[in-house]
Amino acid sequence: MTANLPDDLIKQIRKMGEKLDTVAPKMVQGGAEVLAEEVRRNVAKHSRTGGLAKSVTVGKPKKDKNQVWRCQVYFKGKSKMQQDDDGVIRPRKKPVSYSQIALHEEYGTSKEAASPNVRTALESSKERIEGRMRYEFNQGTKE
């Protein structure tokens, strides 16, 4: 999923030239941190062991092949514990990646209804993401 910037901010960014490579990483990192916090809140509501919320990670800002700065929010690691139907938390027979657990929660399975934690987090935090990115932009362009 991708969050897009408002047109007025994009116009300001295009005028920056070389200074963009200093400001843009801070902007995308700031926006990603806001999103990650909201994802953590959302998955914590549904998490049985708490591991999924703890696994939410913000990557380092990187410039892609099209010279666009990006920063990933992802689920890192594997779950070694599970809650059985009787409510007892036990070790898993085989660890499962948190990204796979998040995918099953996001879109559901044949046995479990979808719980779109990431999509909901993105929708509910768009204004805060934009605000944080504007803040980082303004901090980086002060003269």
C-alpha atoms as a PDB file:
ATOM      1  CA  MET A   1       0.000   0.000   0.000  1.00  0.00           C
ATOM      2  CA  THR A   2       1.167   3.498  -0.712  1.00  0.00           C
ATOM      3  CA  ALA A   3       0.393   6.855   0.878  1.00  0.00           C
ATOM      4  CA  ASN A   4       0.562   9.772  -1.560  1.00  0.00           C
ATOM      5  CA  LEU A   5       1.493  13.369  -0.829  1.00  0.00           C
ATOM      6  CA  PRO A   6      -0.794  16.349  -1.485  1.00  0.00           C
ATOM      7  CA  ASP A   7      -0.124  18.226  -4.726  1.00  0.00           C
ATOM      8  CA  ASP A   8       0.973  21.478  -3.041  1.00  0.00           C
ATOM      9  CA  LEU A   9       3.661  19.677  -1.050  1.00  0.00           C
ATOM     10  CA  ILE A  10       4.848  17.841  -4.160  1.00  0.00           C
ATOM     11  CA  LYS A  11       5.253  21.186  -5.971  1.00  0.00           C
ATOM     12  CA  GLN A  12       7.354  22.565  -3.093  1.00  0.00           C
ATOM     13  CA  ILE A  13       9.503  19.432  -3.052  1.00  0.00           C
ATOM     14  CA  ARG A  14      10.205  19.631  -6.789  1.00  0.00           C
ATOM     15  CA  LYS A  15      11.664  23.129  -6.322  1.00  0.00           C
ATOM     16  CA  MET A  16      14.208  21.918  -3.755  1.00  0.00           C
ATOM     17  CA  GLY A  17      16.840  20.487  -6.086  1.00  0.00           C
ATOM     18  CA  GLU A  18      19.781  18.818  -4.348  1.00  0.00           C
ATOM     19  CA  LYS A  19      18.504  19.673  -0.864  1.00  0.00           C
ATOM     20  CA  LEU A  20      15.763  17.119  -1.439  1.00  0.00           C
ATOM     21  CA  ASP A  21      18.115  14.217  -0.682  1.00  0.00           C
ATOM     22  CA  THR A  22      18.616  15.626   2.818  1.00  0.00           C
ATOM     23  CA  VAL A  23      14.972  16.367   3.607  1.00  0.00           C
ATOM     24  CA  ALA A  24      13.111  13.549   1.824  1.00  0.00           C
ATOM     25  CA  PRO A  25      14.491  10.658   3.925  1.00  0.00           C
ATOM     26  CA  LYS A  26      13.398  12.421   7.112  1.00  0.00           C
ATOM     27  CA  MET A  27       9.965  13.067   5.614  1.00  0.00           C
ATOM     28  CA  VAL A  28       9.310   9.466   4.581  1.00  0.00           C
ATOM     29  CA  GLN A  29      10.753   8.113   7.842  1.00  0.00           C
ATOM     30  CA  GLY A  30       8.518  10.444   9.863  1.00  0.00           C
ATOM     31  CA  GLY A  31       5.424   9.424   7.930  1.00  0.00           C
ATOM     32  CA  ALA A  32       6.316   5.753   8.271  1.00  0.00           C
ATOM     33  CA  GLU A  33       6.730   6.120  12.048  1.00  0.00           C
ATOM     34  CA  VAL A  34       3.223   7.577  12.336  1.00  0.00           C
ATOM     35  CA  LEU A  35       1.798   4.722  10.271  1.00  0.00           C
ATOM     36  CA  ALA A  36       3.709   2.090  12.253  1.00  0.00           C
ATOM     37  CA  GLU A  37       2.346   3.401  15.546  1.00  0.00           C
ATOM     38  CA  GLU A  38      -1.215   3.229  14.232  1.00  0.00           C
ATOM     39  CA  VAL A  39      -0.667  -0.299  12.869  1.00  0.00           C
ATOM     40  CA  ARG A  40       0.681  -1.340  16.287  1.00  0.00           C
ATOM     41  CA  ARG A  41      -2.448   0.026  17.978  1.00  0.00           C
ATOM     42  CA  ASN A  42      -4.714  -1.763  15.517  1.00  0.00           C
ATOM     43  CA  VAL A  43      -3.038  -5.168  15.684  1.00  0.00           C
ATOM     44  CA  ALA A  44      -2.764  -5.008  19.477  1.00  0.00           C
ATOM     45  CA  LYS A  45      -6.584  -5.107  19.630  1.00  0.00           C
ATOM     46  CA  HIS A  46      -6.609  -8.486  17.874  1.00  0.00           C
ATOM     47  CA  SER A  47      -3.308  -9.997  18.984  1.00  0.00           C
ATOM     48  CA  ARG A  48      -3.446 -12.899  21.380  1.00  0.00           C
ATOM     49  CA  THR A  49       0.209 -13.014  22.384  1.00  0.00           C
ATOM     50  CA  GLY A  50       1.278  -9.397  21.703  1.00  0.00           C
ATOM     51  CA  GLY A  51       4.013 -10.507  19.326  1.00  0.00           C
ATOM     52  CA  LEU A  52       2.421  -9.123  16.168  1.00  0.00           C
ATOM     53  CA  ALA A  53       2.307  -5.551  17.509  1.00  0.00           C
ATOM     54  CA  LYS A  54       5.911  -5.804  18.701  1.00  0.00           C
ATOM     55  CA  SER A  55       6.995  -7.027  15.268  1.00  0.00           C
ATOM     56  CA  VAL A  56       5.887  -3.832  13.439  1.00  0.00           C
ATOM     57  CA  THR A  57       9.112  -2.301  12.131  1.00  0.00           C
ATOM     58  CA  VAL A  58      10.018   0.861  10.237  1.00  0.00           C
ATOM     59  CA  GLY A  59      12.754   0.331   7.652  1.00  0.00           C
ATOM     60  CA  LYS A  60      15.436   2.795   6.638  1.00  0.00           C
ATOM     61  CA  PRO A  61      14.507   5.341   3.963  1.00  0.00           C
ATOM     62  CA  LYS A  62      15.803   4.324   0.546  1.00  0.00           C
ATOM     63  CA  LYS A  63      15.749   5.810  -2.911  1.00  0.00           C
ATOM     64  CA  ASP A  64      14.323   3.420  -5.507  1.00  0.00           C
ATOM     65  CA  LYS A  65      15.414   2.991  -9.135  1.00  0.00           C
ATOM     66  CA  ASN A  66      13.075   5.856 -10.130  1.00  0.00           C
ATOM     67  CA  GLN A  67      14.794   8.201  -7.634  1.00  0.00           C
ATOM     68  CA  VAL A  68      11.726   8.181  -5.343  1.00  0.00           C
ATOM     69  CA  TRP A  69      12.341   8.049  -1.587  1.00  0.00           C
ATOM     70  CA  ARG A  70      10.461   5.253   0.189  1.00  0.00           C
ATOM     71  CA  CYS A  71      10.307   3.833   3.687  1.00  0.00           C
ATOM     72  CA  GLN A  72       8.705   0.500   4.473  1.00  0.00           C
ATOM     73  CA  VAL A  73       6.594  -0.467   7.446  1.00  0.00           C
ATOM     74  CA  TYR A  74       6.653  -4.229   7.826  1.00  0.00           C
ATOM     75  CA  PHE A  75       6.262  -7.144  10.230  1.00  0.00           C
ATOM     76  CA  LYS A  76       9.626  -8.574  11.278  1.00  0.00           C
ATOM     77  CA  GLY A  77      10.396 -11.961  12.756  1.00  0.00           C
ATOM     78  CA  LYS A  78       8.534 -15.167  13.522  1.00  0.00           C
ATOM     79  CA  SER A  79       5.948 -16.126  16.091  1.00  0.00           C
ATOM     80  CA  LYS A  80       6.990 -19.046  18.233  1.00  0.00           C
ATOM     81  CA  MET A  81       3.883 -18.965  20.456  1.00  0.00           C
ATOM     82  CA  GLN A  82       0.172 -19.374  19.785  1.00  0.00           C
ATOM     83  CA  GLN A  83      -3.048 -19.305  21.746  1.00  0.00           C
ATOM     84  CA  ASP A  84      -5.010 -22.511  21.497  1.00  0.00           C
ATOM     85  CA  ASP A  85      -8.810 -22.735  21.410  1.00  0.00           C
ATOM     86  CA  ASP A  86      -8.787 -23.339  25.164  1.00  0.00           C
ATOM     87  CA  GLY A  87      -7.080 -19.966  25.709  1.00  0.00           C
ATOM     88  CA  VAL A  88      -3.713 -21.356  26.742  1.00  0.00           C
ATOM     89  CA  ILE A  89      -0.609 -19.874  25.132  1.00  0.00           C
ATOM     90  CA  ARG A  90       1.721 -22.620  23.961  1.00  0.00           C
ATOM     91  CA  PRO A  91       4.788 -22.949  21.749  1.00  0.00           C
ATOM     92  CA  ARG A  92       4.058 -23.484  18.049  1.00  0.00           C
ATOM     93  CA  LYS A  93       5.172 -26.718  16.432  1.00  0.00           C
ATOM     94  CA  LYS A  94       6.719 -24.632  13.669  1.00  0.00           C
ATOM     95  CA  PRO A  95       7.361 -20.848  13.873  1.00  0.00           C
ATOM     96  CA  VAL A  96       5.249 -18.684  11.549  1.00  0.00           C
ATOM     97  CA  SER A  97       6.379 -15.325  10.136  1.00  0.00           C
ATOM     98  CA  TYR A  98       4.600 -12.299  11.524  1.00  0.00           C
ATOM     99  CA  SER A  99       4.071 -11.051   7.958  1.00  0.00           C
ATOM    100  CA  GLN A 100       2.097 -14.213   7.192  1.00  0.00           C
ATOM    101  CA  ILE A 101       0.012 -13.777  10.356  1.00  0.00           C
ATOM    102  CA  ALA A 102      -0.629 -10.132   9.445  1.00  0.00           C
ATOM    103  CA  LEU A 103      -1.649 -11.126   5.919  1.00  0.00           C
ATOM    104  CA  HIS A 104      -4.149 -13.665   7.255  1.00  0.00           C
ATOM    105  CA  GLU A 105      -5.574 -11.066   9.649  1.00  0.00           C
ATOM    106  CA  GLU A 106      -5.730  -8.386   6.958  1.00  0.00           C
ATOM    107  CA  TYR A 107      -7.575 -10.439   4.356  1.00  0.00           C
ATOM    108  CA  GLY A 108      -9.015 -13.289   6.418  1.00  0.00           C
ATOM    109  CA  THR A 109      -8.944 -17.019   5.831  1.00  0.00           C
ATOM    110  CA  SER A 110     -11.570 -19.654   5.131  1.00  0.00           C
ATOM    111  CA  LYS A 111     -11.980 -19.997   8.914  1.00  0.00           C
ATOM    112  CA  GLU A 112     -11.450 -16.427  10.079  1.00  0.00           C
ATOM    113  CA  ALA A 113     -13.015 -13.143   8.972  1.00  0.00           C
ATOM    114  CA  ALA A 114     -10.783 -10.338   7.692  1.00  0.00           C
ATOM    115  CA  SER A 115      -9.577  -7.714  10.122  1.00  0.00           C
ATOM    116  CA  PRO A 116      -7.954  -5.035   7.916  1.00  0.00           C
ATOM    117  CA  ASN A 117      -5.520  -3.578  10.434  1.00  0.00           C
ATOM    118  CA  VAL A 118      -3.038  -2.063   7.978  1.00  0.00           C
ATOM    119  CA  ARG A 119      -5.591  -0.570   5.583  1.00  0.00           C
ATOM    120  CA  THR A 120      -7.556   0.871   8.503  1.00  0.00           C
ATOM    121  CA  ALA A 121      -4.374   2.320  10.005  1.00  0.00           C
ATOM    122  CA  LEU A 122      -3.430   3.976   6.714  1.00  0.00           C
ATOM    123  CA  GLU A 123      -6.883   5.482   6.242  1.00  0.00           C
ATOM    124  CA  SER A 124      -7.210   6.714   9.824  1.00  0.00           C
ATOM    125  CA  SER A 125      -3.722   8.240   9.991  1.00  0.00           C
ATOM    126  CA  LYS A 126      -3.428   9.929   6.578  1.00  0.00           C
ATOM    127  CA  GLU A 127      -3.752  13.433   8.040  1.00  0.00           C
ATOM    128  CA  ARG A 128      -1.202  12.721  10.805  1.00  0.00           C
ATOM    129  CA  ILE A 129       1.196  11.180   8.275  1.00  0.00           C
ATOM    130  CA  GLU A 130       0.858  14.240   6.066  1.00  0.00           C
ATOM    131  CA  GLY A 131       1.286  16.519   9.084  1.00  0.00           C
ATOM    132  CA  ARG A 132       4.457  14.753  10.179  1.00  0.00           C
ATOM    133  CA  MET A 133       5.860  14.887   6.644  1.00  0.00           C
ATOM    134  CA  ARG A 134       5.069  18.603   6.400  1.00  0.00           C
ATOM    135  CA  TYR A 135       6.732  19.139   9.767  1.00  0.00           C
ATOM    136  CA  GLU A 136       9.888  17.336   8.627  1.00  0.00           C
ATOM    137  CA  PHE A 137       9.799  19.299   5.345  1.00  0.00           C
ATOM    138  CA  ASN A 138       9.509  22.614   7.184  1.00  0.00           C
ATOM    139  CA  GLN A 139      12.293  21.677   9.622  1.00  0.00           C
ATOM    140  CA  GLY A 140      14.554  20.700   6.744  1.00  0.00           C
ATOM    141  CA  THR A 141      13.915  23.805   4.672  1.00  0.00           C
ATOM    142  CA  LYS A 142      14.427  26.405   7.398  1.00  0.00           C
ATOM    143  CA  GLU A 143      17.183  28.798   6.483  1.00  0.00           C
END
